[in-house]
Amino acid sequence: MKNIPLTKDQFIHYINFIKERKEKENKINELFTEEFEDSIFYPHTRYETELISLLETIFNDEDGNIGYFIYELDFGELDFANECITEEDGTTISLTTPEELYDYLVKEYFSE
């Protein structure tokens, strides 16, 4: 197996950091839209995009699985996240947690 640039705990920390920021942003936006209908607050968007890009670079994630997990699967919380990827042999891959995402990335990009 090739050298993995981040430990699972480090990777999970960064994914959870992004999730926590998004949750706080959503709370602020809810408060703003109660008072100001067209108001939107996005203070972390650029940092979030850059951090996701950095993680994708570190993991050689050319397919954008990290962004897919965050944006399309809502951090693995959507119903179909437990069978969102199908391998060539028909096996389904679950991406419901950052841990599962990390394991998938390691298998895809660091196994020889």
C-alpha atoms as a PDB file:
ATOM      1  CA  MET A   1       0.000   0.000   0.000  1.00  0.00           C
ATOM      2  CA  LYS A   2       1.226   3.493  -0.866  1.00  0.00           C
ATOM      3  CA  ASN A   3       1.909   6.045   1.862  1.00  0.00           C
ATOM      4  CA  ILE A   4      -1.367   7.699   2.911  1.00  0.00           C
ATOM      5  CA  PRO A   5      -0.848  11.442   3.486  1.00  0.00           C
ATOM      6  CA  LEU A   6      -3.430  11.888   6.279  1.00  0.00           C
ATOM      7  CA  THR A   7      -4.479   9.593   9.070  1.00  0.00           C
ATOM      8  CA  LYS A   8      -8.135   8.632   9.300  1.00  0.00           C
ATOM      9  CA  ASP A   9      -8.506  10.798  12.418  1.00  0.00           C
ATOM     10  CA  GLN A  10      -7.016  13.833  10.652  1.00  0.00           C
ATOM     11  CA  PHE A  11      -9.262  13.349   7.620  1.00  0.00           C
ATOM     12  CA  ILE A  12     -12.367  12.963   9.796  1.00  0.00           C
ATOM     13  CA  HIS A  13     -11.404  16.108  11.704  1.00  0.00           C
ATOM     14  CA  TYR A  14     -11.298  18.182   8.492  1.00  0.00           C
ATOM     15  CA  ILE A  15     -14.551  16.768   7.109  1.00  0.00           C
ATOM     16  CA  ASN A  16     -16.304  17.388  10.433  1.00  0.00           C
ATOM     17  CA  PHE A  17     -14.832  20.901  10.546  1.00  0.00           C
ATOM     18  CA  ILE A  18     -16.422  21.658   7.170  1.00  0.00           C
ATOM     19  CA  LYS A  19     -19.731  20.151   8.289  1.00  0.00           C
ATOM     20  CA  GLU A  20     -19.782  22.162  11.526  1.00  0.00           C
ATOM     21  CA  ARG A  21     -19.098  25.415   9.632  1.00  0.00           C
ATOM     22  CA  LYS A  22     -21.905  24.663   7.160  1.00  0.00           C
ATOM     23  CA  GLU A  23     -24.334  23.921  10.014  1.00  0.00           C
ATOM     24  CA  LYS A  24     -23.462  27.221  11.722  1.00  0.00           C
ATOM     25  CA  GLU A  25     -23.830  29.093   8.429  1.00  0.00           C
ATOM     26  CA  ASN A  26     -27.270  27.545   7.948  1.00  0.00           C
ATOM     27  CA  LYS A  27     -28.376  28.682  11.423  1.00  0.00           C
ATOM     28  CA  ILE A  28     -27.206  32.225  10.724  1.00  0.00           C
ATOM     29  CA  ASN A  29     -28.972  32.197   7.348  1.00  0.00           C
ATOM     30  CA  GLU A  30     -32.203  31.034   8.963  1.00  0.00           C
ATOM     31  CA  LEU A  31     -32.050  33.957  11.380  1.00  0.00           C
ATOM     32  CA  PHE A  32     -31.235  36.436   8.615  1.00  0.00           C
ATOM     33  CA  THR A  33     -34.042  35.279   6.350  1.00  0.00           C
ATOM     34  CA  GLU A  34     -36.565  35.632   9.177  1.00  0.00           C
ATOM     35  CA  GLU A  35     -35.826  39.367   9.253  1.00  0.00           C
ATOM     36  CA  PHE A  36     -34.442  40.036   5.782  1.00  0.00           C
ATOM     37  CA  GLU A  37     -36.067  37.809   3.186  1.00  0.00           C
ATOM     38  CA  ASP A  38     -33.338  38.064   0.530  1.00  0.00           C
ATOM     39  CA  SER A  39     -30.351  37.967   2.873  1.00  0.00           C
ATOM     40  CA  ILE A  40     -27.745  35.207   2.563  1.00  0.00           C
ATOM     41  CA  PHE A  41     -24.604  34.843   4.669  1.00  0.00           C
ATOM     42  CA  TYR A  42     -21.647  32.823   3.273  1.00  0.00           C
ATOM     43  CA  PRO A  43     -18.505  33.694   5.239  1.00  0.00           C
ATOM     44  CA  HIS A  44     -16.773  30.315   4.915  1.00  0.00           C
ATOM     45  CA  THR A  45     -17.610  29.410   1.326  1.00  0.00           C
ATOM     46  CA  ARG A  46     -14.203  30.293  -0.115  1.00  0.00           C
ATOM     47  CA  TYR A  47     -12.335  28.573   2.711  1.00  0.00           C
ATOM     48  CA  GLU A  48     -14.583  25.548   2.407  1.00  0.00           C
ATOM     49  CA  THR A  49     -13.942  25.301  -1.327  1.00  0.00           C
ATOM     50  CA  GLU A  50     -10.196  25.640  -0.829  1.00  0.00           C
ATOM     51  CA  LEU A  51     -10.115  23.038   1.972  1.00  0.00           C
ATOM     52  CA  ILE A  52     -12.095  20.550  -0.139  1.00  0.00           C
ATOM     53  CA  SER A  53      -9.771  21.208  -3.075  1.00  0.00           C
ATOM     54  CA  LEU A  54      -6.758  20.612  -0.823  1.00  0.00           C
ATOM     55  CA  LEU A  55      -8.198  17.325   0.468  1.00  0.00           C
ATOM     56  CA  GLU A  56      -8.962  16.221  -3.108  1.00  0.00           C
ATOM     57  CA  THR A  57      -5.372  17.044  -4.097  1.00  0.00           C
ATOM     58  CA  ILE A  58      -3.876  15.229  -1.105  1.00  0.00           C
ATOM     59  CA  PHE A  59      -5.921  12.121  -1.892  1.00  0.00           C
ATOM     60  CA  ASN A  60      -5.500  12.347  -5.678  1.00  0.00           C
ATOM     61  CA  ASP A  61      -9.301  12.396  -5.765  1.00  0.00           C
ATOM     62  CA  GLU A  62      -9.646  13.146  -9.472  1.00  0.00           C
ATOM     63  CA  ASP A  63     -13.221  11.831  -9.454  1.00  0.00           C
ATOM     64  CA  GLY A  64     -14.351  14.388  -6.855  1.00  0.00           C
ATOM     65  CA  ASN A  65     -15.581  11.841  -4.312  1.00  0.00           C
ATOM     66  CA  ILE A  66     -14.937  14.206  -1.398  1.00  0.00           C
ATOM     67  CA  GLY A  67     -17.046  16.969  -2.940  1.00  0.00           C
ATOM     68  CA  TYR A  68     -19.674  14.386  -3.877  1.00  0.00           C
ATOM     69  CA  PHE A  69     -19.839  13.201  -0.257  1.00  0.00           C
ATOM     70  CA  ILE A  70     -20.181  16.757   1.054  1.00  0.00           C
ATOM     71  CA  TYR A  71     -22.473  18.352  -1.531  1.00  0.00           C
ATOM     72  CA  GLU A  72     -24.436  15.576  -3.216  1.00  0.00           C
ATOM     73  CA  LEU A  73     -24.734  13.177  -0.271  1.00  0.00           C
ATOM     74  CA  ASP A  74     -25.009  15.940   2.365  1.00  0.00           C
ATOM     75  CA  PHE A  75     -22.160  14.421   4.385  1.00  0.00           C
ATOM     76  CA  GLY A  76     -23.617  10.933   3.901  1.00  0.00           C
ATOM     77  CA  GLU A  77     -26.993  11.814   5.386  1.00  0.00           C
ATOM     78  CA  LEU A  78     -29.135  11.225   2.291  1.00  0.00           C
ATOM     79  CA  ASP A  79     -31.032   7.941   2.103  1.00  0.00           C
ATOM     80  CA  PHE A  80     -29.160   6.598  -0.927  1.00  0.00           C
ATOM     81  CA  ALA A  81     -25.704   7.245   0.603  1.00  0.00           C
ATOM     82  CA  ASN A  82     -25.601   3.653   1.846  1.00  0.00           C
ATOM     83  CA  GLU A  83     -25.462   2.405  -1.745  1.00  0.00           C
ATOM     84  CA  CYS A  84     -24.281   5.406  -3.735  1.00  0.00           C
ATOM     85  CA  ILE A  85     -21.386   3.784  -5.602  1.00  0.00           C
ATOM     86  CA  THR A  86     -21.522   0.497  -7.470  1.00  0.00           C
ATOM     87  CA  GLU A  87     -18.309  -1.397  -8.208  1.00  0.00           C
ATOM     88  CA  GLU A  88     -17.762  -3.217 -11.500  1.00  0.00           C
ATOM     89  CA  ASP A  89     -18.694  -6.516  -9.825  1.00  0.00           C
ATOM     90  CA  GLY A  90     -22.034  -5.056  -8.641  1.00  0.00           C
ATOM     91  CA  THR A  91     -20.969  -4.537  -5.028  1.00  0.00           C
ATOM     92  CA  THR A  92     -22.402  -1.337  -3.551  1.00  0.00           C
ATOM     93  CA  ILE A  93     -20.285   1.056  -1.530  1.00  0.00           C
ATOM     94  CA  SER A  94     -21.727   2.959   1.406  1.00  0.00           C
ATOM     95  CA  LEU A  95     -20.596   6.539   2.046  1.00  0.00           C
ATOM     96  CA  THR A  96     -22.623   7.455   5.109  1.00  0.00           C
ATOM     97  CA  THR A  97     -19.733   8.605   7.324  1.00  0.00           C
ATOM     98  CA  PRO A  98     -16.372  10.323   6.914  1.00  0.00           C
ATOM     99  CA  GLU A  99     -14.803   7.026   8.020  1.00  0.00           C
ATOM    100  CA  GLU A 100     -16.399   5.156   5.112  1.00  0.00           C
ATOM    101  CA  LEU A 101     -15.304   7.900   2.727  1.00  0.00           C
ATOM    102  CA  TYR A 102     -11.730   7.682   3.994  1.00  0.00           C
ATOM    103  CA  ASP A 103     -11.687   3.885   3.632  1.00  0.00           C
ATOM    104  CA  TYR A 104     -13.061   4.187   0.096  1.00  0.00           C
ATOM    105  CA  LEU A 105     -10.464   6.812  -0.894  1.00  0.00           C
ATOM    106  CA  VAL A 106      -7.638   4.711   0.511  1.00  0.00           C
ATOM    107  CA  LYS A 107      -8.881   1.642  -1.355  1.00  0.00           C
ATOM    108  CA  GLU A 108      -9.344   3.566  -4.626  1.00  0.00           C
ATOM    109  CA  TYR A 109      -6.221   5.678  -4.664  1.00  0.00           C
ATOM    110  CA  PHE A 110      -3.642   4.079  -2.360  1.00  0.00           C
ATOM    111  CA  SER A 111      -4.005   0.326  -2.801  1.00  0.00           C
ATOM    112  CA  GLU A 112      -1.549  -1.227  -5.192  1.00  0.00           C
END
